[in-house]
Amino acid sequence: MNDGTVFILLLILVLVLAVAVCWLVYQLFQSEKKKARAEEKFYLLEMKINDLQLETLESKLNPHLFKNILNSIQSHAYQTYFALDKLANVLDYILYESQKKLVSPKEEIEFAMNLIEINKIKVSPLFELNIKTKIKESEPLFEQNLIAPLISIDLIENAFKHADLQSADAFISVLFEFKDNCFYLTVSNKISEKKALKKERSGIGSTTLEQRLKIIYKNNFKLDKFVEDNVYIAHLKIDLLEYKAQMLTDR
């Protein structure tokens, strides 16, 4: 075999190897594209499922809240005018703001304060109800739409439900905080010694709150609940800066 033949064979071998490498690179590229499309479809499907879950949860939430509000007003008719004024604000929020996917911390706190004012009509004049806010309004995220509407309802309503509202030594404490780009809600109440009546339909409960938080905020929240010296304490923290960063990354 002369040198020319050897050269031709080597050239053919190199060409075959080059074609093989190009084919493998092409197949790898196509595989990556298919993987990317599959991941995108999975992500979109996951988003649709999450949206559907949220719609289902929220469709249960609004009637539940509305029924509790009306029951409060009906049982305390002498304060109807004041309660209806607050109810008008609450209804505006439910009908318009709660349909949004997100609202600002400022809007959610204002709504919660109106809700608390309505619940006040159920308590004894001697009852200790402490409502406080520690808010840095100068922080830019305070008025940005990053809070799920109605997220504060469950913890507040739970306190009014399980406290003995007619006892002189009972209390409910609600603290809203906004600092370091985080939303905080701490609710505590002395647990009633009376056993709560069991209901066949007891509402959506804390399970719904945790489901919503996990769906929306994933790892950017912390919810602690515990009992200490017959006082039930619930503390919610949502890191809105991390959540916003996650939103921008997902886009």
Protein backbone atom coordinates (compact mmCIF):
# COMPACT_ATOMS: atom_id res chain seq x y z
CA MET A 1 0.00 0.00 0.00
CA ASN A 2 1.59 3.20 -1.17
CA ASP A 3 1.65 6.52 0.70
CA GLY A 4 -1.13 8.00 -1.46
CA THR A 5 -3.53 5.21 -0.56
CA VAL A 6 -2.73 5.54 3.14
CA PHE A 7 -3.32 9.29 2.96
CA ILE A 8 -6.69 8.79 1.28
CA LEU A 9 -7.75 6.21 3.88
CA LEU A 10 -6.73 8.51 6.74
CA LEU A 11 -8.59 11.38 5.13
CA ILE A 12 -11.73 9.24 4.77
CA LEU A 13 -11.38 8.12 8.41
CA VAL A 14 -11.05 11.74 9.59
CA LEU A 15 -14.10 12.73 7.52
CA VAL A 16 -16.12 9.84 8.95
CA LEU A 17 -15.09 10.79 12.48
CA ALA A 18 -15.92 14.45 11.82
CA VAL A 19 -19.36 13.51 10.48
CA ALA A 20 -19.92 11.22 13.49
CA VAL A 21 -18.93 13.99 15.91
CA CYS A 22 -21.18 16.49 14.12
CA TRP A 23 -24.06 14.02 14.23
CA LEU A 24 -23.55 13.41 17.96
CA VAL A 25 -23.37 17.16 18.63
CA TYR A 26 -26.55 17.67 16.60
CA GLN A 27 -28.34 14.89 18.49
CA LEU A 28 -27.16 16.34 21.80
CA PHE A 29 -28.39 19.79 20.74
CA GLN A 30 -31.78 18.37 19.72
CA SER A 31 -31.98 16.47 23.01
CA GLU A 32 -31.27 19.66 24.96
CA LYS A 33 -33.95 21.50 22.98
CA LYS A 34 -36.48 18.73 23.68
CA LYS A 35 -35.51 18.76 27.35
CA ALA A 36 -35.93 22.55 27.50
CA ARG A 37 -39.34 22.33 25.81
CA ALA A 38 -40.39 19.56 28.18
CA GLU A 39 -39.26 21.58 31.20
CA GLU A 40 -41.12 24.64 29.89
CA LYS A 41 -44.31 22.61 29.38
CA PHE A 42 -43.94 21.12 32.85
CA TYR A 43 -43.44 24.59 34.34
CA LEU A 44 -46.52 25.98 32.55
CA LEU A 45 -48.57 22.98 33.64
CA GLU A 46 -47.38 23.42 37.22
CA MET A 47 -48.34 27.12 37.09
CA LYS A 48 -51.81 26.25 35.78
CA ILE A 49 -52.30 23.68 38.53
CA ASN A 50 -51.18 26.19 41.16
CA ASP A 51 -53.52 28.85 39.74
CA LEU A 52 -56.37 26.35 39.76
CA GLN A 53 -55.62 25.42 43.37
CA LEU A 54 -55.55 29.08 44.37
CA GLU A 55 -58.83 29.78 42.59
CA THR A 56 -60.39 26.83 44.41
CA LEU A 57 -59.07 27.97 47.78
CA GLU A 58 -60.10 31.59 47.24
CA SER A 59 -63.57 30.61 46.05
CA LYS A 60 -64.03 29.00 49.47
CA LEU A 61 -62.39 31.88 51.29
CA ASN A 62 -64.59 34.81 50.29
CA PRO A 63 -68.01 33.35 51.23
CA HIS A 64 -66.54 32.10 54.50
CA LEU A 65 -65.31 35.57 55.42
CA PHE A 66 -68.50 37.27 54.26
CA LYS A 67 -70.70 34.95 56.36
CA ASN A 68 -68.66 35.61 59.51
CA ILE A 69 -68.84 39.37 58.99
CA LEU A 70 -72.62 39.38 58.50
CA ASN A 71 -73.12 37.18 61.58
CA SER A 72 -71.09 39.64 63.66
CA ILE A 73 -73.12 42.63 62.51
CA GLN A 74 -76.48 40.89 62.83
CA SER A 75 -75.83 39.86 66.43
CA HIS A 76 -74.88 43.42 67.45
CA ALA A 77 -77.48 45.59 65.78
CA TYR A 78 -76.86 48.59 68.04
CA GLN A 79 -73.52 49.14 66.33
CA THR A 80 -74.82 48.49 62.85
CA TYR A 81 -74.03 51.91 61.35
CA PHE A 82 -70.38 51.81 62.37
CA ALA A 83 -70.00 48.17 61.36
CA LEU A 84 -71.62 48.74 57.97
CA ASP A 85 -69.21 51.57 57.27
CA LYS A 86 -66.29 49.20 57.88
CA LEU A 87 -68.07 46.43 56.02
CA ALA A 88 -68.27 48.64 52.93
CA ASN A 89 -64.47 48.91 52.95
CA VAL A 90 -64.09 45.17 53.45
CA LEU A 91 -66.49 44.37 50.61
CA ASP A 92 -64.68 46.72 48.24
CA TYR A 93 -61.47 44.87 49.02
CA ILE A 94 -63.07 41.45 48.56
CA LEU A 95 -64.86 42.35 45.34
CA TYR A 96 -62.03 44.22 43.66
CA GLU A 97 -58.64 43.87 45.31
CA SER A 98 -58.91 40.17 46.20
CA GLN A 99 -59.47 39.32 42.54
CA LYS A 100 -55.93 40.47 41.89
CA LYS A 101 -53.19 37.90 42.18
CA LEU A 102 -51.19 40.20 44.46
CA VAL A 103 -51.76 43.43 46.40
CA SER A 104 -49.45 45.69 48.36
CA PRO A 105 -48.67 45.11 52.06
CA LYS A 106 -50.22 48.54 52.70
CA GLU A 107 -53.55 47.48 51.16
CA GLU A 108 -53.62 44.14 52.97
CA ILE A 109 -52.91 45.75 56.36
CA GLU A 110 -55.62 48.40 55.83
CA PHE A 111 -58.08 45.64 54.97
CA ALA A 112 -57.13 43.63 58.06
CA MET A 113 -57.59 46.69 60.29
CA ASN A 114 -61.13 47.15 58.92
CA LEU A 115 -61.84 43.49 59.57
CA ILE A 116 -60.64 43.83 63.15
CA GLU A 117 -62.89 46.87 63.68
CA ILE A 118 -65.88 44.75 62.65
CA ASN A 119 -64.87 41.95 64.99
CA LYS A 120 -64.57 44.43 67.85
CA ILE A 121 -68.34 44.60 68.16
CA LYS A 122 -68.33 41.02 69.47
CA VAL A 123 -66.11 41.68 72.47
CA SER A 124 -66.85 42.86 75.99
CA PRO A 125 -65.88 46.46 76.90
CA LEU A 126 -63.50 44.93 79.45
CA PHE A 127 -61.84 42.71 76.88
CA GLU A 128 -58.19 43.50 76.16
CA LEU A 129 -57.68 43.95 72.44
CA ASN A 130 -54.23 45.18 71.45
CA ILE A 131 -53.68 46.18 67.83
CA LYS A 132 -50.28 47.55 66.89
CA THR A 133 -48.36 48.36 63.74
CA LYS A 134 -44.62 48.80 63.35
CA ILE A 135 -44.18 49.80 59.75
CA LYS A 136 -41.40 51.45 57.79
CA GLU A 137 -43.51 53.05 55.08
CA SER A 138 -40.41 54.44 53.38
CA GLU A 139 -39.37 50.96 52.23
CA PRO A 140 -40.08 50.63 48.49
CA LEU A 141 -41.69 47.18 48.72
CA PHE A 142 -44.39 48.43 51.12
CA GLU A 143 -46.52 49.70 48.24
CA GLN A 144 -45.59 47.09 45.65
CA ASN A 145 -47.97 44.26 44.75
CA LEU A 146 -46.26 41.33 46.46
CA ILE A 147 -48.79 40.12 49.06
CA ALA A 148 -51.49 37.55 48.34
CA PRO A 149 -54.84 39.22 49.16
CA LEU A 150 -56.70 38.00 52.27
CA ILE A 151 -53.56 36.24 53.54
CA SER A 152 -54.00 37.71 57.04
CA ILE A 153 -57.61 36.62 57.56
CA ASP A 154 -57.14 33.15 58.96
CA LEU A 155 -54.82 34.05 61.83
CA ILE A 156 -56.99 37.00 62.93
CA GLU A 157 -60.31 35.17 62.69
CA ASN A 158 -58.84 32.17 64.49
CA ALA A 159 -57.95 34.40 67.46
CA PHE A 160 -61.49 35.80 67.72
CA LYS A 161 -62.92 32.30 67.31
CA HIS A 162 -60.92 30.65 70.10
CA ALA A 163 -60.64 33.46 72.65
CA ASP A 164 -63.27 33.94 75.37
CA LEU A 165 -64.50 37.33 74.20
CA GLN A 166 -66.59 37.95 77.31
CA SER A 167 -63.90 37.17 79.87
CA ALA A 168 -62.24 40.09 81.66
CA ASP A 169 -58.81 38.43 81.83
CA ALA A 170 -58.75 37.26 78.22
CA PHE A 171 -57.02 39.12 75.42
CA ILE A 172 -56.17 39.21 71.73
CA SER A 173 -53.02 40.83 70.41
CA VAL A 174 -52.35 41.60 66.75
CA LEU A 175 -49.06 43.05 65.55
CA PHE A 176 -48.31 44.03 61.96
CA GLU A 177 -44.70 44.75 61.07
CA PHE A 178 -42.98 45.73 57.87
CA LYS A 179 -39.22 46.04 58.02
CA ASP A 180 -36.17 44.88 56.09
CA ASN A 181 -38.44 44.06 53.11
CA CYS A 182 -40.35 41.50 55.16
CA PHE A 183 -44.03 41.32 56.08
CA TYR A 184 -44.72 40.11 59.62
CA LEU A 185 -48.00 39.25 61.33
CA THR A 186 -48.09 38.05 64.93
CA VAL A 187 -51.43 37.13 66.50
CA SER A 188 -51.84 35.82 70.03
CA ASN A 189 -54.82 35.13 72.26
CA LYS A 190 -55.56 33.57 75.60
CA ILE A 191 -57.31 30.28 74.89
CA SER A 192 -60.88 30.06 76.08
CA GLU A 193 -61.53 27.51 78.83
CA LYS A 194 -64.87 26.80 77.19
CA LYS A 195 -64.78 23.92 74.75
CA ALA A 196 -65.47 25.10 71.24
CA LEU A 197 -68.60 23.58 69.72
CA LYS A 198 -67.82 21.23 66.90
CA LYS A 199 -69.41 22.10 63.59
CA GLU A 200 -69.98 19.86 60.64
CA ARG A 201 -68.73 22.63 58.38
CA SER A 202 -66.12 24.53 60.28
CA GLY A 203 -64.73 26.60 57.43
CA ILE A 204 -61.44 26.33 55.62
CA GLY A 205 -59.14 26.56 58.65
CA SER A 206 -55.41 26.92 58.83
CA THR A 207 -54.79 24.20 56.24
CA THR A 208 -55.90 26.55 53.47
CA LEU A 209 -53.56 29.30 54.67
CA GLU A 210 -50.56 26.99 54.63
CA GLN A 211 -51.52 25.67 51.19
CA ARG A 212 -51.74 29.19 49.78
CA LEU A 213 -48.44 30.19 51.34
CA LYS A 214 -46.63 27.13 49.95
CA ILE A 215 -48.10 27.58 46.47
CA ILE A 216 -47.34 31.30 46.27
CA TYR A 217 -44.22 31.86 48.37
CA LYS A 218 -42.63 28.40 48.38
CA ASN A 219 -39.54 28.74 50.65
CA ASN A 220 -39.85 32.48 51.16
CA PHE A 221 -42.14 32.34 54.20
CA LYS A 222 -42.22 30.95 57.71
CA LEU A 223 -45.35 30.19 59.73
CA ASP A 224 -44.99 29.21 63.39
CA LYS A 225 -47.86 28.23 65.70
CA PHE A 226 -47.47 27.22 69.33
CA VAL A 227 -49.08 27.40 72.77
CA GLU A 228 -47.30 28.95 75.74
CA ASP A 229 -48.90 29.37 79.20
CA ASN A 230 -52.39 28.87 77.76
CA VAL A 231 -51.71 31.53 75.12
CA TYR A 232 -51.93 30.57 71.46
CA ILE A 233 -49.36 32.38 69.31
CA ALA A 234 -49.13 32.46 65.52
CA HIS A 235 -46.29 34.21 63.73
CA LEU A 236 -46.08 34.69 59.97
CA LYS A 237 -43.06 36.08 58.14
CA ILE A 238 -42.90 36.59 54.36
CA ASP A 239 -39.60 37.61 52.82
CA LEU A 240 -40.85 39.83 50.00
CA LEU A 241 -37.41 40.72 48.66
CA GLU A 242 -36.53 37.06 48.13
CA TYR A 243 -39.99 36.43 46.69
CA LYS A 244 -39.62 39.29 44.22
CA ALA A 245 -36.20 38.01 43.19
CA GLN A 246 -37.73 34.57 42.62
CA MET A 247 -40.51 36.10 40.52
CA LEU A 248 -37.97 37.87 38.31
CA THR A 249 -35.92 34.69 37.95
CA ASP A 250 -38.98 32.64 36.95
CA ARG A 251 -39.77 35.11 34.20
